[in-house]
Amino acid sequence: MKVKKGDLVKMIAGKDKGKTGKVLRVIFEKKRAVIDGLNLVKKHKRPRKEGEKGQRVEIPRAVDVSNLMLVCSKCGKTSRVEYGKSGDKKIRLCKKCKAEI
């Protein structure tokens, strides 16, 4: 998978199309990712203590990786990922400016 935790991504489909956010978590088995501030859903929380009120909390839900595009840290544009080698290490490169992501 081309997306990792901490990457800056842009939504290319769905209700938050065009918005950017940071990847909080990646679920490899399902090819999904949780992005900070995107794909928010309301969850109802029950009161736990006496006198406490119930509330609605917005939490981010997982999005399919095919709906995301990586944002290059150098050129600031959305780009596909290219792989290269740096010594013995495999690295991710921006397809547009060839900078390491």
PDB file of N, CA and C in Angstrom:
ATOM      1  N   MET A   1       0.835  -1.171   0.000  1.00  0.00           N
ATOM      2  CA  MET A   1       0.000   0.000   0.000  1.00  0.00           C
ATOM      3  C   MET A   1       0.888   1.246   0.000  1.00  0.00           C
ATOM      4  N   LYS A   2       0.474   2.261  -0.730  1.00  0.00           N
ATOM      5  CA  LYS A   2       1.303   3.450  -0.937  1.00  0.00           C
ATOM      6  C   LYS A   2       1.108   4.525   0.132  1.00  0.00           C
ATOM      7  N   VAL A   3       0.104   4.367   1.003  1.00  0.00           N
ATOM      8  CA  VAL A   3      -0.179   5.346   2.043  1.00  0.00           C
ATOM      9  C   VAL A   3       0.302   4.812   3.387  1.00  0.00           C
ATOM     10  N   LYS A   4       0.982   5.679   4.146  1.00  0.00           N
ATOM     11  CA  LYS A   4       1.478   5.295   5.463  1.00  0.00           C
ATOM     12  C   LYS A   4       0.969   6.266   6.516  1.00  0.00           C
ATOM     13  N   LYS A   5       1.084   5.881   7.769  1.00  0.00           N
ATOM     14  CA  LYS A   5       0.687   6.731   8.889  1.00  0.00           C
ATOM     15  C   LYS A   5       1.532   8.007   8.890  1.00  0.00           C
ATOM     16  N   GLY A   6       0.869   9.156   9.046  1.00  0.00           N
ATOM     17  CA  GLY A   6       1.571  10.436   9.078  1.00  0.00           C
ATOM     18  C   GLY A   6       1.627  11.145   7.738  1.00  0.00           C
ATOM     19  N   ASP A   7       1.228  10.486   6.647  1.00  0.00           N
ATOM     20  CA  ASP A   7       1.224  11.105   5.318  1.00  0.00           C
ATOM     21  C   ASP A   7       0.105  12.131   5.199  1.00  0.00           C
ATOM     22  N   LEU A   8       0.332  13.138   4.358  1.00  0.00           N
ATOM     23  CA  LEU A   8      -0.696  14.118   4.037  1.00  0.00           C
ATOM     24  C   LEU A   8      -1.381  13.643   2.757  1.00  0.00           C
ATOM     25  N   VAL A   9      -2.702  13.481   2.820  1.00  0.00           N
ATOM     26  CA  VAL A   9      -3.451  12.967   1.678  1.00  0.00           C
ATOM     27  C   VAL A   9      -4.611  13.894   1.340  1.00  0.00           C
ATOM     28  N   LYS A  10      -5.104  13.773   0.109  1.00  0.00           N
ATOM     29  CA  LYS A  10      -6.244  14.541  -0.360  1.00  0.00           C
ATOM     30  C   LYS A  10      -7.335  13.562  -0.781  1.00  0.00           C
ATOM     31  N   MET A  11      -8.585  13.865  -0.395  1.00  0.00           N
ATOM     32  CA  MET A  11      -9.715  13.025  -0.787  1.00  0.00           C
ATOM     33  C   MET A  11     -10.070  13.336  -2.232  1.00  0.00           C
ATOM     34  N   ILE A  12     -10.199  12.307  -3.061  1.00  0.00           N
ATOM     35  CA  ILE A  12     -10.556  12.509  -4.461  1.00  0.00           C
ATOM     36  C   ILE A  12     -11.970  12.014  -4.770  1.00  0.00           C
ATOM     37  N   ALA A  13     -12.646  11.454  -3.755  1.00  0.00           N
ATOM     38  CA  ALA A  13     -14.027  10.990  -3.929  1.00  0.00           C
ATOM     39  C   ALA A  13     -14.722  10.993  -2.576  1.00  0.00           C
ATOM     40  N   GLY A  14     -16.041  11.044  -2.606  1.00  0.00           N
ATOM     41  CA  GLY A  14     -16.812  10.983  -1.367  1.00  0.00           C
ATOM     42  C   GLY A  14     -17.302  12.348  -0.923  1.00  0.00           C
ATOM     43  N   LYS A  15     -17.888  12.388   0.275  1.00  0.00           N
ATOM     44  CA  LYS A  15     -18.502  13.624   0.762  1.00  0.00           C
ATOM     45  C   LYS A  15     -17.492  14.708   1.107  1.00  0.00           C
ATOM     46  N   ASP A  16     -16.241  14.349   1.365  1.00  0.00           N
ATOM     47  CA  ASP A  16     -15.187  15.314   1.691  1.00  0.00           C
ATOM     48  C   ASP A  16     -14.214  15.512   0.531  1.00  0.00           C
ATOM     49  N   LYS A  17     -14.696  15.370  -0.695  1.00  0.00           N
ATOM     50  CA  LYS A  17     -13.857  15.491  -1.884  1.00  0.00           C
ATOM     51  C   LYS A  17     -13.166  16.854  -1.926  1.00  0.00           C
ATOM     52  N   GLY A  18     -11.835  16.843  -2.157  1.00  0.00           N
ATOM     53  CA  GLY A  18     -11.058  18.072  -2.253  1.00  0.00           C
ATOM     54  C   GLY A  18     -10.388  18.487  -0.952  1.00  0.00           C
ATOM     55  N   LYS A  19     -10.762  17.890   0.170  1.00  0.00           N
ATOM     56  CA  LYS A  19     -10.172  18.242   1.462  1.00  0.00           C
ATOM     57  C   LYS A  19      -8.917  17.418   1.722  1.00  0.00           C
ATOM     58  N   THR A  20      -8.002  17.986   2.509  1.00  0.00           N
ATOM     59  CA  THR A  20      -6.766  17.282   2.851  1.00  0.00           C
ATOM     60  C   THR A  20      -6.720  16.999   4.341  1.00  0.00           C
ATOM     61  N   GLY A  21      -5.959  15.991   4.707  1.00  0.00           N
ATOM     62  CA  GLY A  21      -5.801  15.620   6.109  1.00  0.00           C
ATOM     63  C   GLY A  21      -4.643  14.673   6.294  1.00  0.00           C
ATOM     64  N   LYS A  22      -4.290  14.451   7.547  1.00  0.00           N
ATOM     65  CA  LYS A  22      -3.171  13.592   7.905  1.00  0.00           C
ATOM     66  C   LYS A  22      -3.680  12.195   8.241  1.00  0.00           C
ATOM     67  N   VAL A  23      -2.969  11.162   7.807  1.00  0.00           N
ATOM     68  CA  VAL A  23      -3.361   9.782   8.053  1.00  0.00           C
ATOM     69  C   VAL A  23      -3.063   9.440   9.513  1.00  0.00           C
ATOM     70  N   LEU A  24      -4.107   9.028  10.241  1.00  0.00           N
ATOM     71  CA  LEU A  24      -3.949   8.646  11.641  1.00  0.00           C
ATOM     72  C   LEU A  24      -3.646   7.166  11.797  1.00  0.00           C
ATOM     73  N   ARG A  25      -4.276   6.344  10.939  1.00  0.00           N
ATOM     74  CA  ARG A  25      -4.146   4.897  11.073  1.00  0.00           C
ATOM     75  C   ARG A  25      -4.397   4.243   9.723  1.00  0.00           C
ATOM     76  N   VAL A  26      -3.691   3.162   9.445  1.00  0.00           N
ATOM     77  CA  VAL A  26      -3.877   2.410   8.207  1.00  0.00           C
ATOM     78  C   VAL A  26      -4.272   0.985   8.563  1.00  0.00           C
ATOM     79  N   ILE A  27      -5.348   0.488   7.927  1.00  0.00           N
ATOM     80  CA  ILE A  27      -5.819  -0.882   8.131  1.00  0.00           C
ATOM     81  C   ILE A  27      -5.449  -1.668   6.881  1.00  0.00           C
ATOM     82  N   PHE A  28      -4.344  -2.407   6.925  1.00  0.00           N
ATOM     83  CA  PHE A  28      -3.805  -3.090   5.753  1.00  0.00           C
ATOM     84  C   PHE A  28      -4.699  -4.207   5.245  1.00  0.00           C
ATOM     85  N   GLU A  29      -5.341  -4.955   6.151  1.00  0.00           N
ATOM     86  CA  GLU A  29      -6.168  -6.095   5.743  1.00  0.00           C
ATOM     87  C   GLU A  29      -7.353  -5.659   4.881  1.00  0.00           C
ATOM     88  N   LYS A  30      -7.916  -4.476   5.195  1.00  0.00           N
ATOM     89  CA  LYS A  30      -9.102  -3.992   4.473  1.00  0.00           C
ATOM     90  C   LYS A  30      -8.767  -2.907   3.460  1.00  0.00           C
ATOM     91  N   LYS A  31      -7.487  -2.505   3.360  1.00  0.00           N
ATOM     92  CA  LYS A  31      -7.029  -1.441   2.465  1.00  0.00           C
ATOM     93  C   LYS A  31      -7.806  -0.141   2.721  1.00  0.00           C
ATOM     94  N   ARG A  32      -7.832   0.256   3.988  1.00  0.00           N
ATOM     95  CA  ARG A  32      -8.534   1.459   4.402  1.00  0.00           C
ATOM     96  C   ARG A  32      -7.632   2.300   5.290  1.00  0.00           C
ATOM     97  N   ALA A  33      -7.950   3.590   5.401  1.00  0.00           N
ATOM     98  CA  ALA A  33      -7.170   4.501   6.232  1.00  0.00           C
ATOM     99  C   ALA A  33      -8.096   5.459   6.960  1.00  0.00           C
ATOM    100  N   VAL A  34      -7.688   5.871   8.171  1.00  0.00           N
ATOM    101  CA  VAL A  34      -8.429   6.843   8.963  1.00  0.00           C
ATOM    102  C   VAL A  34      -7.692   8.172   8.851  1.00  0.00           C
ATOM    103  N   ILE A  35      -8.410   9.216   8.398  1.00  0.00           N
ATOM    104  CA  ILE A  35      -7.802  10.528   8.174  1.00  0.00           C
ATOM    105  C   ILE A  35      -8.367  11.517   9.184  1.00  0.00           C
ATOM    106  N   ASP A  36      -7.481  12.324   9.759  1.00  0.00           N
ATOM    107  CA  ASP A  36      -7.856  13.308  10.775  1.00  0.00           C
ATOM    108  C   ASP A  36      -8.777  14.379  10.181  1.00  0.00           C
ATOM    109  N   GLY A  37      -9.984  14.503  10.741  1.00  0.00           N
ATOM    110  CA  GLY A  37     -10.927  15.546  10.334  1.00  0.00           C
ATOM    111  C   GLY A  37     -11.735  15.250   9.090  1.00  0.00           C
ATOM    112  N   LEU A  38     -11.566  14.074   8.485  1.00  0.00           N
ATOM    113  CA  LEU A  38     -12.320  13.727   7.274  1.00  0.00           C
ATOM    114  C   LEU A  38     -13.195  12.505   7.523  1.00  0.00           C
ATOM    115  N   ASN A  39     -14.291  12.408   6.773  1.00  0.00           N
ATOM    116  CA  ASN A  39     -15.270  11.327   6.867  1.00  0.00           C
ATOM    117  C   ASN A  39     -15.784  11.186   8.306  1.00  0.00           C
ATOM    118  N   LEU A  40     -16.169  12.321   8.884  1.00  0.00           N
ATOM    119  CA  LEU A  40     -16.646  12.329  10.264  1.00  0.00           C
ATOM    120  C   LEU A  40     -18.077  11.811  10.348  1.00  0.00           C
ATOM    121  N   VAL A  41     -18.340  10.995  11.374  1.00  0.00           N
ATOM    122  CA  VAL A  41     -19.681  10.495  11.648  1.00  0.00           C
ATOM    123  C   VAL A  41     -20.007  10.805  13.102  1.00  0.00           C
ATOM    124  N   LYS A  42     -21.297  10.971  13.385  1.00  0.00           N
ATOM    125  CA  LYS A  42     -21.722  11.271  14.750  1.00  0.00           C
ATOM    126  C   LYS A  42     -21.976   9.976  15.510  1.00  0.00           C
ATOM    127  N   LYS A  43     -21.417   9.906  16.713  1.00  0.00           N
ATOM    128  CA  LYS A  43     -21.616   8.747  17.576  1.00  0.00           C
ATOM    129  C   LYS A  43     -22.273   9.243  18.854  1.00  0.00           C
ATOM    130  N   HIS A  44     -23.328   8.569  19.277  1.00  0.00           N
ATOM    131  CA  HIS A  44     -24.037   8.962  20.489  1.00  0.00           C
ATOM    132  C   HIS A  44     -23.401   8.259  21.682  1.00  0.00           C
ATOM    133  N   LYS A  45     -23.014   9.056  22.679  1.00  0.00           N
ATOM    134  CA  LYS A  45     -22.412   8.504  23.898  1.00  0.00           C
ATOM    135  C   LYS A  45     -23.423   8.602  25.029  1.00  0.00           C
ATOM    136  N   ARG A  46     -23.592   7.525  25.738  1.00  0.00           N
ATOM    137  CA  ARG A  46     -24.512   7.494  26.867  1.00  0.00           C
ATOM    138  C   ARG A  46     -23.852   8.093  28.101  1.00  0.00           C
ATOM    139  N   PRO A  47     -24.641   8.660  28.993  1.00  0.00           N
ATOM    140  CA  PRO A  47     -24.057   9.157  30.238  1.00  0.00           C
ATOM    141  C   PRO A  47     -23.593   7.987  31.099  1.00  0.00           C
ATOM    142  N   ARG A  48     -22.417   8.091  31.669  1.00  0.00           N
ATOM    143  CA  ARG A  48     -21.866   7.006  32.489  1.00  0.00           C
ATOM    144  C   ARG A  48     -22.080   7.253  33.987  1.00  0.00           C
ATOM    145  N   LYS A  49     -21.960   8.500  34.412  1.00  0.00           N
ATOM    146  CA  LYS A  49     -22.127   8.824  35.829  1.00  0.00           C
ATOM    147  C   LYS A  49     -23.469   9.514  36.030  1.00  0.00           C
ATOM    148  N   GLU A  50     -23.951   9.489  37.247  1.00  0.00           N
ATOM    149  CA  GLU A  50     -25.214  10.153  37.556  1.00  0.00           C
ATOM    150  C   GLU A  50     -25.024  11.666  37.472  1.00  0.00           C
ATOM    151  N   GLY A  51     -25.936  12.336  36.810  1.00  0.00           N
ATOM    152  CA  GLY A  51     -25.842  13.780  36.642  1.00  0.00           C
ATOM    153  C   GLY A  51     -25.116  14.177  35.360  1.00  0.00           C
ATOM    154  N   GLU A  52     -24.448  13.250  34.727  1.00  0.00           N
ATOM    155  CA  GLU A  52     -23.737  13.518  33.469  1.00  0.00           C
ATOM    156  C   GLU A  52     -24.734  13.448  32.320  1.00  0.00           C
ATOM    157  N   LYS A  53     -24.519  14.254  31.306  1.00  0.00           N
ATOM    158  CA  LYS A  53     -25.410  14.251  30.146  1.00  0.00           C
ATOM    159  C   LYS A  53     -24.825  13.406  29.026  1.00  0.00           C
ATOM    160  N   GLY A  54     -25.725  12.842  28.225  1.00  0.00           N
ATOM    161  CA  GLY A  54     -25.299  12.145  27.030  1.00  0.00           C
ATOM    162  C   GLY A  54     -24.896  13.170  25.983  1.00  0.00           C
ATOM    163  N   GLN A  55     -24.118  12.742  24.993  1.00  0.00           N
ATOM    164  CA  GLN A  55     -23.663  13.697  23.982  1.00  0.00           C
ATOM    165  C   GLN A  55     -23.442  13.002  22.636  1.00  0.00           C
ATOM    166  N   ARG A  56     -23.348  13.842  21.597  1.00  0.00           N
ATOM    167  CA  ARG A  56     -23.019  13.344  20.262  1.00  0.00           C
ATOM    168  C   ARG A  56     -21.589  13.751  19.967  1.00  0.00           C
ATOM    169  N   VAL A  57     -20.754  12.781  19.643  1.00  0.00           N
ATOM    170  CA  VAL A  57     -19.340  13.026  19.378  1.00  0.00           C
ATOM    171  C   VAL A  57     -19.066  12.696  17.918  1.00  0.00           C
ATOM    172  N   GLU A  58     -18.288  13.552  17.235  1.00  0.00           N
ATOM    173  CA  GLU A  58     -17.905  13.280  15.846  1.00  0.00           C
ATOM    174  C   GLU A  58     -16.561  12.571  15.829  1.00  0.00           C
ATOM    175  N   ILE A  59     -16.538  11.393  15.192  1.00  0.00           N
ATOM    176  CA  ILE A  59     -15.296  10.622  15.102  1.00  0.00           C
ATOM    177  C   ILE A  59     -15.001  10.325  13.633  1.00  0.00           C
ATOM    178  N   PRO A  60     -13.720  10.243  13.244  1.00  0.00           N
ATOM    179  CA  PRO A  60     -13.385   9.904  11.854  1.00  0.00           C
ATOM    180  C   PRO A  60     -13.516   8.401  11.609  1.00  0.00           C
ATOM    181  N   ARG A  61     -14.107   8.047  10.490  1.00  0.00           N
ATOM    182  CA  ARG A  61     -14.240   6.647  10.089  1.00  0.00           C
ATOM    183  C   ARG A  61     -13.249   6.343   8.973  1.00  0.00           C
ATOM    184  N   ALA A  62     -12.978   5.075   8.771  1.00  0.00           N
ATOM    185  CA  ALA A  62     -12.015   4.629   7.757  1.00  0.00           C
ATOM    186  C   ALA A  62     -12.546   4.883   6.347  1.00  0.00           C
ATOM    187  N   VAL A  63     -11.618   5.220   5.440  1.00  0.00           N
ATOM    188  CA  VAL A  63     -11.919   5.485   4.040  1.00  0.00           C
ATOM    189  C   VAL A  63     -11.102   4.517   3.200  1.00  0.00           C
ATOM    190  N   ASP A  64     -11.658   4.092   2.073  1.00  0.00           N
ATOM    191  CA  ASP A  64     -10.904   3.224   1.176  1.00  0.00           C
ATOM    192  C   ASP A  64      -9.721   3.996   0.591  1.00  0.00           C
ATOM    193  N   VAL A  65      -8.576   3.328   0.475  1.00  0.00           N
ATOM    194  CA  VAL A  65      -7.347   3.966   0.015  1.00  0.00           C
ATOM    195  C   VAL A  65      -7.457   4.430  -1.439  1.00  0.00           C
ATOM    196  N   SER A  66      -8.336   3.809  -2.211  1.00  0.00           N
ATOM    197  CA  SER A  66      -8.510   4.209  -3.605  1.00  0.00           C
ATOM    198  C   SER A  66      -9.129   5.604  -3.725  1.00  0.00           C
ATOM    199  N   ASN A  67      -9.734   6.105  -2.645  1.00  0.00           N
ATOM    200  CA  ASN A  67     -10.336   7.444  -2.641  1.00  0.00           C
ATOM    201  C   ASN A  67      -9.368   8.510  -2.153  1.00  0.00           C
ATOM    202  N   LEU A  68      -8.108   8.157  -1.945  1.00  0.00           N
ATOM    203  CA  LEU A  68      -7.094   9.080  -1.437  1.00  0.00           C
ATOM    204  C   LEU A  68      -5.975   9.261  -2.444  1.00  0.00           C
ATOM    205  N   MET A  69      -5.352  10.441  -2.414  1.00  0.00           N
ATOM    206  CA  MET A  69      -4.183  10.695  -3.242  1.00  0.00           C
ATOM    207  C   MET A  69      -3.137  11.384  -2.376  1.00  0.00           C
ATOM    208  N   LEU A  70      -1.911  10.945  -2.474  1.00  0.00           N
ATOM    209  CA  LEU A  70      -0.822  11.469  -1.665  1.00  0.00           C
ATOM    210  C   LEU A  70      -0.434  12.873  -2.093  1.00  0.00           C
ATOM    211  N   VAL A  71      -0.177  13.757  -1.121  1.00  0.00           N
ATOM    212  CA  VAL A  71       0.268  15.121  -1.388  1.00  0.00           C
ATOM    213  C   VAL A  71       1.777  15.165  -1.141  1.00  0.00           C
ATOM    214  N   CYS A  72       2.534  15.616  -2.144  1.00  0.00           N
ATOM    215  CA  CYS A  72       3.991  15.694  -2.050  1.00  0.00           C
ATOM    216  C   CYS A  72       4.378  16.794  -1.066  1.00  0.00           C
ATOM    217  N   SER A  73       5.341  16.512  -0.210  1.00  0.00           N
ATOM    218  CA  SER A  73       5.775  17.498   0.788  1.00  0.00           C
ATOM    219  C   SER A  73       6.651  18.586   0.176  1.00  0.00           C
ATOM    220  N   LYS A  74       7.284  18.294  -0.959  1.00  0.00           N
ATOM    221  CA  LYS A  74       8.168  19.279  -1.591  1.00  0.00           C
ATOM    222  C   LYS A  74       7.407  20.223  -2.526  1.00  0.00           C
ATOM    223  N   CYS A  75       6.684  19.651  -3.508  1.00  0.00           N
ATOM    224  CA  CYS A  75       5.998  20.502  -4.489  1.00  0.00           C
ATOM    225  C   CYS A  75       4.577  20.866  -4.068  1.00  0.00           C
ATOM    226  N   GLY A  76       4.006  20.156  -3.096  1.00  0.00           N
ATOM    227  CA  GLY A  76       2.679  20.477  -2.591  1.00  0.00           C
ATOM    228  C   GLY A  76       1.534  20.037  -3.484  1.00  0.00           C
ATOM    229  N   LYS A  77       1.812  19.250  -4.521  1.00  0.00           N
ATOM    230  CA  LYS A  77       0.787  18.783  -5.448  1.00  0.00           C
ATOM    231  C   LYS A  77       0.441  17.330  -5.143  1.00  0.00           C
ATOM    232  N   THR A  78      -0.783  16.937  -5.547  1.00  0.00           N
ATOM    233  CA  THR A  78      -1.152  15.528  -5.425  1.00  0.00           C
ATOM    234  C   THR A  78      -0.440  14.756  -6.517  1.00  0.00           C
ATOM    235  N   SER A  79       0.038  13.581  -6.159  1.00  0.00           N
ATOM    236  CA  SER A  79       0.839  12.815  -7.113  1.00  0.00           C
ATOM    237  C   SER A  79       0.698  11.327  -6.840  1.00  0.00           C
ATOM    238  N   ARG A  80       0.936  10.554  -7.880  1.00  0.00           N
ATOM    239  CA  ARG A  80       1.030   9.110  -7.707  1.00  0.00           C
ATOM    240  C   ARG A  80       2.397   8.792  -7.121  1.00  0.00           C
ATOM    241  N   VAL A  81       2.578   7.567  -6.668  1.00  0.00           N
ATOM    242  CA  VAL A  81       3.817   7.173  -6.007  1.00  0.00           C
ATOM    243  C   VAL A  81       4.654   6.312  -6.936  1.00  0.00           C
ATOM    244  N   GLU A  82       5.938   6.619  -6.966  1.00  0.00           N
ATOM    245  CA  GLU A  82       6.915   5.853  -7.739  1.00  0.00           C
ATOM    246  C   GLU A  82       7.902   5.287  -6.717  1.00  0.00           C
ATOM    247  N   TYR A  83       8.417   4.106  -6.986  1.00  0.00           N
ATOM    248  CA  TYR A  83       9.373   3.496  -6.062  1.00  0.00           C
ATOM    249  C   TYR A  83      10.776   3.542  -6.653  1.00  0.00           C
ATOM    250  N   GLY A  84      11.747   3.774  -5.783  1.00  0.00           N
ATOM    251  CA  GLY A  84      13.145   3.802  -6.192  1.00  0.00           C
ATOM    252  C   GLY A  84      13.984   3.152  -5.116  1.00  0.00           C
ATOM    253  N   LYS A  85      15.299   3.185  -5.303  1.00  0.00           N
ATOM    254  CA  LYS A  85      16.201   2.585  -4.326  1.00  0.00           C
ATOM    255  C   LYS A  85      17.185   3.632  -3.838  1.00  0.00           C
ATOM    256  N   SER A  86      17.446   3.596  -2.552  1.00  0.00           N
ATOM    257  CA  SER A  86      18.468   4.421  -1.938  1.00  0.00           C
ATOM    258  C   SER A  86      19.370   3.472  -1.166  1.00  0.00           C
ATOM    259  N   GLY A  87      20.429   3.033  -1.808  1.00  0.00           N
ATOM    260  CA  GLY A  87      21.272   1.992  -1.210  1.00  0.00           C
ATOM    261  C   GLY A  87      20.531   0.676  -1.255  1.00  0.00           C
ATOM    262  N   ASP A  88      20.309   0.081  -0.081  1.00  0.00           N
ATOM    263  CA  ASP A  88      19.551  -1.172   0.013  1.00  0.00           C
ATOM    264  C   ASP A  88      18.090  -0.930   0.370  1.00  0.00           C
ATOM    265  N   LYS A  89      17.742   0.337   0.585  1.00  0.00           N
ATOM    266  CA  LYS A  89      16.410   0.682   1.066  1.00  0.00           C
ATOM    267  C   LYS A  89      15.480   1.082  -0.080  1.00  0.00           C
ATOM    268  N   LYS A  90      14.236   0.599  -0.029  1.00  0.00           N
ATOM    269  CA  LYS A  90      13.208   0.961  -1.004  1.00  0.00           C
ATOM    270  C   LYS A  90      12.550   2.252  -0.534  1.00  0.00           C
ATOM    271  N   ILE A  91      12.469   3.272  -1.406  1.00  0.00           N
ATOM    272  CA  ILE A  91      11.900   4.560  -1.029  1.00  0.00           C
ATOM    273  C   ILE A  91      10.748   4.940  -1.950  1.00  0.00           C
ATOM    274  N   ARG A  92       9.855   5.791  -1.434  1.00  0.00           N
ATOM    275  CA  ARG A  92       8.729   6.299  -2.219  1.00  0.00           C
ATOM    276  C   ARG A  92       9.116   7.649  -2.805  1.00  0.00           C
ATOM    277  N   LEU A  93       8.793   7.853  -4.085  1.00  0.00           N
ATOM    278  CA  LEU A  93       9.120   9.094  -4.778  1.00  0.00           C
ATOM    279  C   LEU A  93       7.859   9.715  -5.364  1.00  0.00           C
ATOM    280  N   CYS A  94       7.846  11.046  -5.438  1.00  0.00           N
ATOM    281  CA  CYS A  94       6.768  11.788  -6.090  1.00  0.00           C
ATOM    282  C   CYS A  94       6.928  11.597  -7.594  1.00  0.00           C
ATOM    283  N   LYS A  95       5.840  11.273  -8.271  1.00  0.00           N
ATOM    284  CA  LYS A  95       5.886  11.021  -9.712  1.00  0.00           C
ATOM    285  C   LYS A  95       6.143  12.317 -10.493  1.00  0.00           C
ATOM    286  N   LYS A  96       5.782  13.486  -9.918  1.00  0.00           N
ATOM    287  CA  LYS A  96       5.921  14.751 -10.634  1.00  0.00           C
ATOM    288  C   LYS A  96       7.295  15.393 -10.459  1.00  0.00           C
ATOM    289  N   CYS A  97       7.770  15.469  -9.195  1.00  0.00           N
ATOM    290  CA  CYS A  97       9.034  16.191  -8.963  1.00  0.00           C
ATOM    291  C   CYS A  97      10.189  15.274  -8.569  1.00  0.00           C
ATOM    292  N   LYS A  98       9.929  13.967  -8.464  1.00  0.00           N
ATOM    293  CA  LYS A  98      10.947  12.951  -8.134  1.00  0.00           C
ATOM    294  C   LYS A  98      11.559  13.129  -6.753  1.00  0.00           C
ATOM    295  N   ALA A  99      10.886  13.851  -5.846  1.00  0.00           N
ATOM    296  CA  ALA A  99      11.372  14.034  -4.474  1.00  0.00           C
ATOM    297  C   ALA A  99      10.937  12.860  -3.610  1.00  0.00           C
ATOM    298  N   GLU A 100      11.723  12.558  -2.591  1.00  0.00           N
ATOM    299  CA  GLU A 100      11.383  11.472  -1.669  1.00  0.00           C
ATOM    300  C   GLU A 100      10.241  11.903  -0.764  1.00  0.00           C
ATOM    301  N   ILE A 101       9.285  11.000  -0.583  1.00  0.00           N
ATOM    302  CA  ILE A 101       8.136  11.300   0.270  1.00  0.00           C
ATOM    303  C   ILE A 101       8.408  10.727   1.650  1.00  0.00           C
TER     304      ILE A 101
END
